């Protein structure tokens, strides 16, 4: 799923993963703090477990998010 938030900026939700943000100059986190982007595409954490928030560090791969993944 992809949607445009403003001209030249797009956001794509990766299944069971991060949001891929393309074309943004900054990303604003849940606390309203702006984080400058230095790359054309950045991965924003959606699991809430990243050690580099708001950026994704791959933690979602080892943290079960769906009930059927939990053991």
C-alpha atoms as a PDB file:
ATOM      1  CA  UNK A   1       0.000   0.000   0.000  1.00  0.00           C
ATOM      2  CA  UNK A   2       1.381   3.372  -0.945  1.00  0.00           C
ATOM      3  CA  UNK A   3       0.070   6.885  -0.610  1.00  0.00           C
ATOM      4  CA  UNK A   4       1.380  10.351  -1.292  1.00  0.00           C
ATOM      5  CA  UNK A   5       1.549  12.762   1.648  1.00  0.00           C
ATOM      6  CA  UNK A   6       2.718  15.776  -0.387  1.00  0.00           C
ATOM      7  CA  UNK A   7       4.211  16.181  -3.849  1.00  0.00           C
ATOM      8  CA  UNK A   8       7.371  14.110  -4.139  1.00  0.00           C
ATOM      9  CA  UNK A   9       6.871  12.275  -0.817  1.00  0.00           C
ATOM     10  CA  UNK A  10       5.472   8.748  -0.606  1.00  0.00           C
ATOM     11  CA  UNK A  11       4.930   6.315   2.246  1.00  0.00           C
ATOM     12  CA  UNK A  12       4.767   2.539   1.830  1.00  0.00           C
ATOM     13  CA  UNK A  13       3.878   0.119   4.615  1.00  0.00           C
ATOM     14  CA  UNK A  14       5.942  -3.069   4.442  1.00  0.00           C
ATOM     15  CA  UNK A  15       4.014  -6.104   5.725  1.00  0.00           C
ATOM     16  CA  UNK A  16       5.240  -6.909   9.266  1.00  0.00           C
ATOM     17  CA  UNK A  17       7.946  -4.272   8.836  1.00  0.00           C
ATOM     18  CA  UNK A  18       8.703  -0.577   8.696  1.00  0.00           C
ATOM     19  CA  UNK A  19       7.234   2.334   6.807  1.00  0.00           C
ATOM     20  CA  UNK A  20       9.379   3.261   3.832  1.00  0.00           C
ATOM     21  CA  UNK A  21       9.348   7.027   3.368  1.00  0.00           C
ATOM     22  CA  UNK A  22      10.618   8.349   0.038  1.00  0.00           C
ATOM     23  CA  UNK A  23      11.448  11.968  -0.729  1.00  0.00           C
ATOM     24  CA  UNK A  24      11.025  13.499   2.746  1.00  0.00           C
ATOM     25  CA  UNK A  25      13.427  16.062   4.206  1.00  0.00           C
ATOM     26  CA  UNK A  26      12.352  15.330   7.784  1.00  0.00           C
ATOM     27  CA  UNK A  27      10.355  12.716   9.708  1.00  0.00           C
ATOM     28  CA  UNK A  28       8.358  13.822  12.745  1.00  0.00           C
ATOM     29  CA  UNK A  29       8.068  11.240  15.532  1.00  0.00           C
ATOM     30  CA  UNK A  30       5.140  10.640  17.915  1.00  0.00           C
ATOM     31  CA  UNK A  31       6.528  13.266  20.320  1.00  0.00           C
ATOM     32  CA  UNK A  32       6.636  15.890  17.573  1.00  0.00           C
ATOM     33  CA  UNK A  33      10.430  15.855  17.315  1.00  0.00           C
ATOM     34  CA  UNK A  34      11.697  16.324  13.779  1.00  0.00           C
ATOM     35  CA  UNK A  35      14.483  14.064  12.521  1.00  0.00           C
ATOM     36  CA  UNK A  36      16.350  15.130   9.399  1.00  0.00           C
ATOM     37  CA  UNK A  37      16.656  12.529   6.689  1.00  0.00           C
ATOM     38  CA  UNK A  38      19.934  12.104   4.831  1.00  0.00           C
ATOM     39  CA  UNK A  39      18.837   9.452   2.337  1.00  0.00           C
ATOM     40  CA  UNK A  40      16.269   9.378  -0.450  1.00  0.00           C
ATOM     41  CA  UNK A  41      14.467   6.452   1.284  1.00  0.00           C
ATOM     42  CA  UNK A  42      14.292   5.938   5.059  1.00  0.00           C
ATOM     43  CA  UNK A  43      12.746   3.080   7.063  1.00  0.00           C
ATOM     44  CA  UNK A  44      10.645   4.208  10.021  1.00  0.00           C
ATOM     45  CA  UNK A  45       9.966   1.751  12.859  1.00  0.00           C
ATOM     46  CA  UNK A  46       6.389   0.556  13.318  1.00  0.00           C
ATOM     47  CA  UNK A  47       6.953  -2.122  15.985  1.00  0.00           C
ATOM     48  CA  UNK A  48       8.092   0.350  18.667  1.00  0.00           C
ATOM     49  CA  UNK A  49      11.066  -1.807  19.660  1.00  0.00           C
ATOM     50  CA  UNK A  50      13.866  -0.204  17.608  1.00  0.00           C
ATOM     51  CA  UNK A  51      16.967   0.911  19.455  1.00  0.00           C
ATOM     52  CA  UNK A  52      17.363   3.682  16.870  1.00  0.00           C
ATOM     53  CA  UNK A  53      13.862   5.161  16.924  1.00  0.00           C
ATOM     54  CA  UNK A  54      12.314   6.548  14.862  1.00  0.00           C
ATOM     55  CA  UNK A  55      14.424   4.547  12.403  1.00  0.00           C
ATOM     56  CA  UNK A  56      13.944   0.819  11.888  1.00  0.00           C
ATOM     57  CA  UNK A  57      16.861  -1.346  13.023  1.00  0.00           C
ATOM     58  CA  UNK A  58      15.348  -4.710  12.055  1.00  0.00           C
ATOM     59  CA  UNK A  59      14.122  -5.612  15.558  1.00  0.00           C
ATOM     60  CA  UNK A  60      10.681  -6.447  14.122  1.00  0.00           C
ATOM     61  CA  UNK A  61      12.243  -9.574  12.611  1.00  0.00           C
ATOM     62  CA  UNK A  62      12.889 -11.086  16.050  1.00  0.00           C
ATOM     63  CA  UNK A  63       9.925  -9.663  18.017  1.00  0.00           C
ATOM     64  CA  UNK A  64       6.603 -11.441  17.423  1.00  0.00           C
ATOM     65  CA  UNK A  65       3.890  -8.944  16.572  1.00  0.00           C
ATOM     66  CA  UNK A  66       0.987 -11.242  15.718  1.00  0.00           C
ATOM     67  CA  UNK A  67      -0.599 -13.681  18.190  1.00  0.00           C
ATOM     68  CA  UNK A  68       0.079 -16.655  15.904  1.00  0.00           C
ATOM     69  CA  UNK A  69       3.825 -15.824  15.957  1.00  0.00           C
ATOM     70  CA  UNK A  70       4.063 -15.937  19.752  1.00  0.00           C
ATOM     71  CA  UNK A  71       5.084 -19.185  21.406  1.00  0.00           C
END
